[in-house]
């Protein structure tokens, strides 16, 4: 692969991408996305929307997903540091309900590829963070779903530092449990 190295994760489909960074005394250059390199790495998707958010220390966003219009996501941090998490919601998967987390930062320049049918969230570990992500489908506000960030059945080991006051949106304090999500899927079947 040309300008990236790709690490597979213990949950199939998740990938951590590290770009080649070319630097000198003036600064650096890197390709943040090259379709050919990503295709060679098995990430052959058409991204249709780019998003960016800014958050401060202790902000926790998630765990979010789209129900009927799921999105593949390629996420990265351009300022600060976050702990980024994906939870497997693929029915029939050996890792259904399992989570994987990775620190993304402006310093390490890593990206995280999250396939469709995963819940996604992140916790800001730096004073400020800017988070960017590419999506393979458009956002549909009426299609949003979520899981409780602190669900003990999922058991995410969020790196909450001593004295950190978590800051969640009203919406993110009201999502149901993984068990409720699973039972709801059975009811619809």
C-alpha atoms as a PDB file:
ATOM      1  CA  UNK A   1       0.000   0.000   0.000  1.00  0.00           C
ATOM      2  CA  UNK A   2       1.237   3.421  -0.897  1.00  0.00           C
ATOM      3  CA  UNK A   3       0.722   5.971   1.851  1.00  0.00           C
ATOM      4  CA  UNK A   4      -1.006   4.062   4.664  1.00  0.00           C
ATOM      5  CA  UNK A   5      -0.478   1.142   7.006  1.00  0.00           C
ATOM      6  CA  UNK A   6      -3.544  -0.728   8.223  1.00  0.00           C
ATOM      7  CA  UNK A   7      -3.998  -2.628  11.485  1.00  0.00           C
ATOM      8  CA  UNK A   8      -6.873  -5.062  11.769  1.00  0.00           C
ATOM      9  CA  UNK A   9      -8.649  -5.189  15.114  1.00  0.00           C
ATOM     10  CA  UNK A  10      -9.974  -8.072  17.182  1.00  0.00           C
ATOM     11  CA  UNK A  11     -13.438  -7.244  15.820  1.00  0.00           C
ATOM     12  CA  UNK A  12     -13.628  -8.127  12.142  1.00  0.00           C
ATOM     13  CA  UNK A  13     -14.168  -5.159   9.844  1.00  0.00           C
ATOM     14  CA  UNK A  14     -12.729  -2.499  12.144  1.00  0.00           C
ATOM     15  CA  UNK A  15      -9.416  -1.068  10.944  1.00  0.00           C
ATOM     16  CA  UNK A  16      -6.945   1.455  12.349  1.00  0.00           C
ATOM     17  CA  UNK A  17      -5.156   3.354   9.596  1.00  0.00           C
ATOM     18  CA  UNK A  18      -1.881   5.214  10.015  1.00  0.00           C
ATOM     19  CA  UNK A  19      -0.900   7.505   7.136  1.00  0.00           C
ATOM     20  CA  UNK A  20       2.660   8.047   5.993  1.00  0.00           C
ATOM     21  CA  UNK A  21       3.736  11.480   7.229  1.00  0.00           C
ATOM     22  CA  UNK A  22       6.401  13.331   5.269  1.00  0.00           C
ATOM     23  CA  UNK A  23       7.947  16.033   7.415  1.00  0.00           C
ATOM     24  CA  UNK A  24      10.839  18.390   7.593  1.00  0.00           C
ATOM     25  CA  UNK A  25      11.739  21.583   9.458  1.00  0.00           C
ATOM     26  CA  UNK A  26       8.858  23.415   7.734  1.00  0.00           C
ATOM     27  CA  UNK A  27       6.136  21.027   8.870  1.00  0.00           C
ATOM     28  CA  UNK A  28       4.603  17.930   7.290  1.00  0.00           C
ATOM     29  CA  UNK A  29       2.442  16.572   4.486  1.00  0.00           C
ATOM     30  CA  UNK A  30       0.221  13.489   4.459  1.00  0.00           C
ATOM     31  CA  UNK A  31      -2.595  12.062   2.380  1.00  0.00           C
ATOM     32  CA  UNK A  32      -5.638  11.699   4.605  1.00  0.00           C
ATOM     33  CA  UNK A  33      -7.551   9.751   1.974  1.00  0.00           C
ATOM     34  CA  UNK A  34      -6.554   8.092  -1.293  1.00  0.00           C
ATOM     35  CA  UNK A  35      -9.188   5.828  -2.822  1.00  0.00           C
ATOM     36  CA  UNK A  36      -6.618   3.500  -4.393  1.00  0.00           C
ATOM     37  CA  UNK A  37      -4.717   2.932  -1.133  1.00  0.00           C
ATOM     38  CA  UNK A  38      -7.917   2.373   0.827  1.00  0.00           C
ATOM     39  CA  UNK A  39      -9.310   0.028  -1.836  1.00  0.00           C
ATOM     40  CA  UNK A  40      -6.100  -2.032  -1.672  1.00  0.00           C
ATOM     41  CA  UNK A  41      -6.603  -2.208   2.124  1.00  0.00           C
ATOM     42  CA  UNK A  42     -10.128  -3.605   1.627  1.00  0.00           C
ATOM     43  CA  UNK A  43     -11.940  -0.330   2.261  1.00  0.00           C
ATOM     44  CA  UNK A  44     -13.616   0.122  -1.118  1.00  0.00           C
ATOM     45  CA  UNK A  45     -16.420   2.556  -0.337  1.00  0.00           C
ATOM     46  CA  UNK A  46     -17.841   5.727  -1.794  1.00  0.00           C
ATOM     47  CA  UNK A  47     -18.001   8.435   0.854  1.00  0.00           C
ATOM     48  CA  UNK A  48     -20.813  10.939   0.263  1.00  0.00           C
ATOM     49  CA  UNK A  49     -20.647  13.240   3.288  1.00  0.00           C
ATOM     50  CA  UNK A  50     -17.866  14.741   5.433  1.00  0.00           C
ATOM     51  CA  UNK A  51     -18.624  15.961   8.966  1.00  0.00           C
ATOM     52  CA  UNK A  52     -16.633  17.848  11.575  1.00  0.00           C
ATOM     53  CA  UNK A  53     -17.354  18.528  15.221  1.00  0.00           C
ATOM     54  CA  UNK A  54     -15.597  20.471  17.955  1.00  0.00           C
ATOM     55  CA  UNK A  55     -15.829  19.472  21.597  1.00  0.00           C
ATOM     56  CA  UNK A  56     -14.151  20.224  24.900  1.00  0.00           C
ATOM     57  CA  UNK A  57     -12.622  18.069  27.627  1.00  0.00           C
ATOM     58  CA  UNK A  58     -15.023  15.516  29.072  1.00  0.00           C
ATOM     59  CA  UNK A  59     -17.555  15.632  26.232  1.00  0.00           C
ATOM     60  CA  UNK A  60     -18.838  12.149  25.499  1.00  0.00           C
ATOM     61  CA  UNK A  61     -20.793  11.698  22.269  1.00  0.00           C
ATOM     62  CA  UNK A  62     -22.588   8.444  21.538  1.00  0.00           C
ATOM     63  CA  UNK A  63     -23.203   5.671  21.182  1.00  0.00           C
ATOM     64  CA  UNK A  64     -24.920   6.481  17.856  1.00  0.00           C
ATOM     65  CA  UNK A  65     -25.987   4.582  14.743  1.00  0.00           C
ATOM     66  CA  UNK A  66     -28.405   4.884  11.833  1.00  0.00           C
ATOM     67  CA  UNK A  67     -31.113   2.199  11.888  1.00  0.00           C
ATOM     68  CA  UNK A  68     -32.369   1.869   8.291  1.00  0.00           C
ATOM     69  CA  UNK A  69     -29.622   3.830   6.529  1.00  0.00           C
ATOM     70  CA  UNK A  70     -26.417   2.575   8.194  1.00  0.00           C
ATOM     71  CA  UNK A  71     -23.143   4.323   7.421  1.00  0.00           C
ATOM     72  CA  UNK A  72     -19.565   3.181   7.049  1.00  0.00           C
ATOM     73  CA  UNK A  73     -17.379   5.837   8.725  1.00  0.00           C
ATOM     74  CA  UNK A  74     -13.754   6.876   8.456  1.00  0.00           C
ATOM     75  CA  UNK A  75     -12.941   9.016  11.492  1.00  0.00           C
ATOM     76  CA  UNK A  76      -9.926  11.064  12.595  1.00  0.00           C
ATOM     77  CA  UNK A  77      -8.948  13.862  14.964  1.00  0.00           C
ATOM     78  CA  UNK A  78      -7.312  17.039  13.639  1.00  0.00           C
ATOM     79  CA  UNK A  79      -6.957  18.822  17.003  1.00  0.00           C
ATOM     80  CA  UNK A  80      -6.581  17.262  20.441  1.00  0.00           C
ATOM     81  CA  UNK A  81      -7.244  13.662  21.474  1.00  0.00           C
ATOM     82  CA  UNK A  82     -10.260  11.392  21.858  1.00  0.00           C
ATOM     83  CA  UNK A  83     -10.963   7.819  22.870  1.00  0.00           C
ATOM     84  CA  UNK A  84     -13.037   6.468  19.986  1.00  0.00           C
ATOM     85  CA  UNK A  85     -15.300   3.418  20.361  1.00  0.00           C
ATOM     86  CA  UNK A  86     -17.238   1.108  18.046  1.00  0.00           C
ATOM     87  CA  UNK A  87     -19.765  -1.506  19.237  1.00  0.00           C
ATOM     88  CA  UNK A  88     -20.641  -4.410  16.933  1.00  0.00           C
ATOM     89  CA  UNK A  89     -24.390  -4.483  16.126  1.00  0.00           C
ATOM     90  CA  UNK A  90     -24.133  -6.916  13.192  1.00  0.00           C
ATOM     91  CA  UNK A  91     -26.635  -9.687  13.789  1.00  0.00           C
ATOM     92  CA  UNK A  92     -24.988 -13.104  13.572  1.00  0.00           C
ATOM     93  CA  UNK A  93     -21.506 -11.697  14.136  1.00  0.00           C
ATOM     94  CA  UNK A  94     -19.248 -13.645  16.507  1.00  0.00           C
ATOM     95  CA  UNK A  95     -18.473 -10.334  18.223  1.00  0.00           C
ATOM     96  CA  UNK A  96     -22.070  -9.053  18.432  1.00  0.00           C
ATOM     97  CA  UNK A  97     -22.294  -6.615  21.360  1.00  0.00           C
ATOM     98  CA  UNK A  98     -18.510  -6.380  21.775  1.00  0.00           C
ATOM     99  CA  UNK A  99     -16.618  -3.085  21.670  1.00  0.00           C
ATOM    100  CA  UNK A 100     -13.233  -1.859  20.516  1.00  0.00           C
ATOM    101  CA  UNK A 101     -11.626   1.463  21.396  1.00  0.00           C
ATOM    102  CA  UNK A 102      -8.633   3.406  20.118  1.00  0.00           C
ATOM    103  CA  UNK A 103      -7.038   6.756  20.961  1.00  0.00           C
ATOM    104  CA  UNK A 104      -7.100   9.118  18.003  1.00  0.00           C
ATOM    105  CA  UNK A 105      -5.194  12.365  18.135  1.00  0.00           C
ATOM    106  CA  UNK A 106      -3.784  15.153  16.028  1.00  0.00           C
ATOM    107  CA  UNK A 107      -0.390  13.906  17.162  1.00  0.00           C
ATOM    108  CA  UNK A 108      -0.719  10.204  16.194  1.00  0.00           C
ATOM    109  CA  UNK A 109      -2.760  11.043  13.048  1.00  0.00           C
ATOM    110  CA  UNK A 110      -4.462   7.640  13.152  1.00  0.00           C
ATOM    111  CA  UNK A 111      -7.811   7.066  11.490  1.00  0.00           C
ATOM    112  CA  UNK A 112     -10.445   4.522  12.428  1.00  0.00           C
ATOM    113  CA  UNK A 113     -12.626   2.748   9.857  1.00  0.00           C
ATOM    114  CA  UNK A 114     -15.979   1.656  11.269  1.00  0.00           C
ATOM    115  CA  UNK A 115     -18.220  -0.436   8.978  1.00  0.00           C
ATOM    116  CA  UNK A 116     -21.993  -0.267   8.788  1.00  0.00           C
ATOM    117  CA  UNK A 117     -23.991  -1.641  11.705  1.00  0.00           C
ATOM    118  CA  UNK A 118     -21.725  -0.504  14.503  1.00  0.00           C
ATOM    119  CA  UNK A 119     -22.665   1.987  17.216  1.00  0.00           C
ATOM    120  CA  UNK A 120     -20.076   4.745  17.529  1.00  0.00           C
ATOM    121  CA  UNK A 121     -19.026   7.206  20.205  1.00  0.00           C
ATOM    122  CA  UNK A 122     -16.063   9.093  21.591  1.00  0.00           C
ATOM    123  CA  UNK A 123     -14.769  10.790  24.737  1.00  0.00           C
ATOM    124  CA  UNK A 124     -12.637  13.948  24.526  1.00  0.00           C
ATOM    125  CA  UNK A 125      -9.405  13.592  26.522  1.00  0.00           C
ATOM    126  CA  UNK A 126      -7.765  16.922  25.630  1.00  0.00           C
ATOM    127  CA  UNK A 127      -8.788  20.504  26.421  1.00  0.00           C
ATOM    128  CA  UNK A 128     -10.359  20.773  22.949  1.00  0.00           C
ATOM    129  CA  UNK A 129     -10.786  18.346  20.071  1.00  0.00           C
ATOM    130  CA  UNK A 130     -11.847  18.613  16.461  1.00  0.00           C
ATOM    131  CA  UNK A 131     -13.207  15.383  15.055  1.00  0.00           C
ATOM    132  CA  UNK A 132     -13.661  14.705  11.312  1.00  0.00           C
ATOM    133  CA  UNK A 133     -15.400  11.823   9.630  1.00  0.00           C
ATOM    134  CA  UNK A 134     -16.396  10.628   6.202  1.00  0.00           C
ATOM    135  CA  UNK A 135     -19.686   8.696   5.763  1.00  0.00           C
ATOM    136  CA  UNK A 136     -21.005   6.431   3.013  1.00  0.00           C
ATOM    137  CA  UNK A 137     -24.623   7.551   3.435  1.00  0.00           C
ATOM    138  CA  UNK A 138     -26.261  10.831   4.264  1.00  0.00           C
ATOM    139  CA  UNK A 139     -27.476  11.588   7.762  1.00  0.00           C
ATOM    140  CA  UNK A 140     -31.202  10.914   8.208  1.00  0.00           C
ATOM    141  CA  UNK A 141     -32.359  12.658  11.419  1.00  0.00           C
ATOM    142  CA  UNK A 142     -35.447  10.460  11.815  1.00  0.00           C
ATOM    143  CA  UNK A 143     -33.330   7.300  11.526  1.00  0.00           C
ATOM    144  CA  UNK A 144     -31.030   7.887  14.481  1.00  0.00           C
ATOM    145  CA  UNK A 145     -30.560   5.222  17.109  1.00  0.00           C
ATOM    146  CA  UNK A 146     -28.345   4.890  20.121  1.00  0.00           C
ATOM    147  CA  UNK A 147     -27.180   2.850  23.082  1.00  0.00           C
ATOM    148  CA  UNK A 148     -26.412   3.907  26.629  1.00  0.00           C
ATOM    149  CA  UNK A 149     -22.740   4.863  26.810  1.00  0.00           C
ATOM    150  CA  UNK A 150     -22.385   3.230  30.234  1.00  0.00           C
ATOM    151  CA  UNK A 151     -24.335   0.002  29.604  1.00  0.00           C
ATOM    152  CA  UNK A 152     -22.745  -2.651  31.863  1.00  0.00           C
ATOM    153  CA  UNK A 153     -23.636  -5.409  29.360  1.00  0.00           C
ATOM    154  CA  UNK A 154     -21.361  -3.747  26.803  1.00  0.00           C
ATOM    155  CA  UNK A 155     -18.811  -2.764  29.460  1.00  0.00           C
ATOM    156  CA  UNK A 156     -16.816  -0.082  27.670  1.00  0.00           C
ATOM    157  CA  UNK A 157     -13.727   0.833  29.664  1.00  0.00           C
ATOM    158  CA  UNK A 158     -13.888   4.584  29.047  1.00  0.00           C
ATOM    159  CA  UNK A 159     -10.645   6.293  30.185  1.00  0.00           C
ATOM    160  CA  UNK A 160     -12.410   8.706  32.532  1.00  0.00           C
ATOM    161  CA  UNK A 161      -9.663  10.540  34.390  1.00  0.00           C
ATOM    162  CA  UNK A 162      -9.884  11.433  38.046  1.00  0.00           C
ATOM    163  CA  UNK A 163     -11.827  14.679  38.387  1.00  0.00           C
ATOM    164  CA  UNK A 164     -13.194  14.521  34.823  1.00  0.00           C
ATOM    165  CA  UNK A 165     -16.799  15.717  34.668  1.00  0.00           C
ATOM    166  CA  UNK A 166     -18.551  14.020  31.770  1.00  0.00           C
ATOM    167  CA  UNK A 167     -20.581  16.277  29.500  1.00  0.00           C
ATOM    168  CA  UNK A 168     -23.347  14.499  27.534  1.00  0.00           C
ATOM    169  CA  UNK A 169     -26.229  15.814  25.464  1.00  0.00           C
ATOM    170  CA  UNK A 170     -29.749  15.234  26.794  1.00  0.00           C
ATOM    171  CA  UNK A 171     -30.251  12.735  23.968  1.00  0.00           C
ATOM    172  CA  UNK A 172     -27.161  10.746  24.978  1.00  0.00           C
ATOM    173  CA  UNK A 173     -28.383  10.380  28.573  1.00  0.00           C
ATOM    174  CA  UNK A 174     -31.623   8.727  27.413  1.00  0.00           C
ATOM    175  CA  UNK A 175     -30.558   5.934  25.056  1.00  0.00           C
ATOM    176  CA  UNK A 176     -31.614   2.417  26.075  1.00  0.00           C
ATOM    177  CA  UNK A 177     -29.505  -0.587  26.927  1.00  0.00           C
ATOM    178  CA  UNK A 178     -28.014  -3.140  24.563  1.00  0.00           C
ATOM    179  CA  UNK A 179     -30.468  -5.690  25.974  1.00  0.00           C
ATOM    180  CA  UNK A 180     -33.423  -3.415  25.096  1.00  0.00           C
ATOM    181  CA  UNK A 181     -31.962  -2.890  21.610  1.00  0.00           C
ATOM    182  CA  UNK A 182     -31.589  -6.652  21.077  1.00  0.00           C
ATOM    183  CA  UNK A 183     -35.108  -7.384  22.355  1.00  0.00           C
ATOM    184  CA  UNK A 184     -36.495  -4.649  20.095  1.00  0.00           C
ATOM    185  CA  UNK A 185     -34.822  -6.278  17.075  1.00  0.00           C
ATOM    186  CA  UNK A 186     -36.408  -9.641  17.984  1.00  0.00           C
ATOM    187  CA  UNK A 187     -39.855  -8.034  18.305  1.00  0.00           C
ATOM    188  CA  UNK A 188     -39.601  -6.522  14.800  1.00  0.00           C
ATOM    189  CA  UNK A 189     -38.530  -9.855  13.241  1.00  0.00           C
END
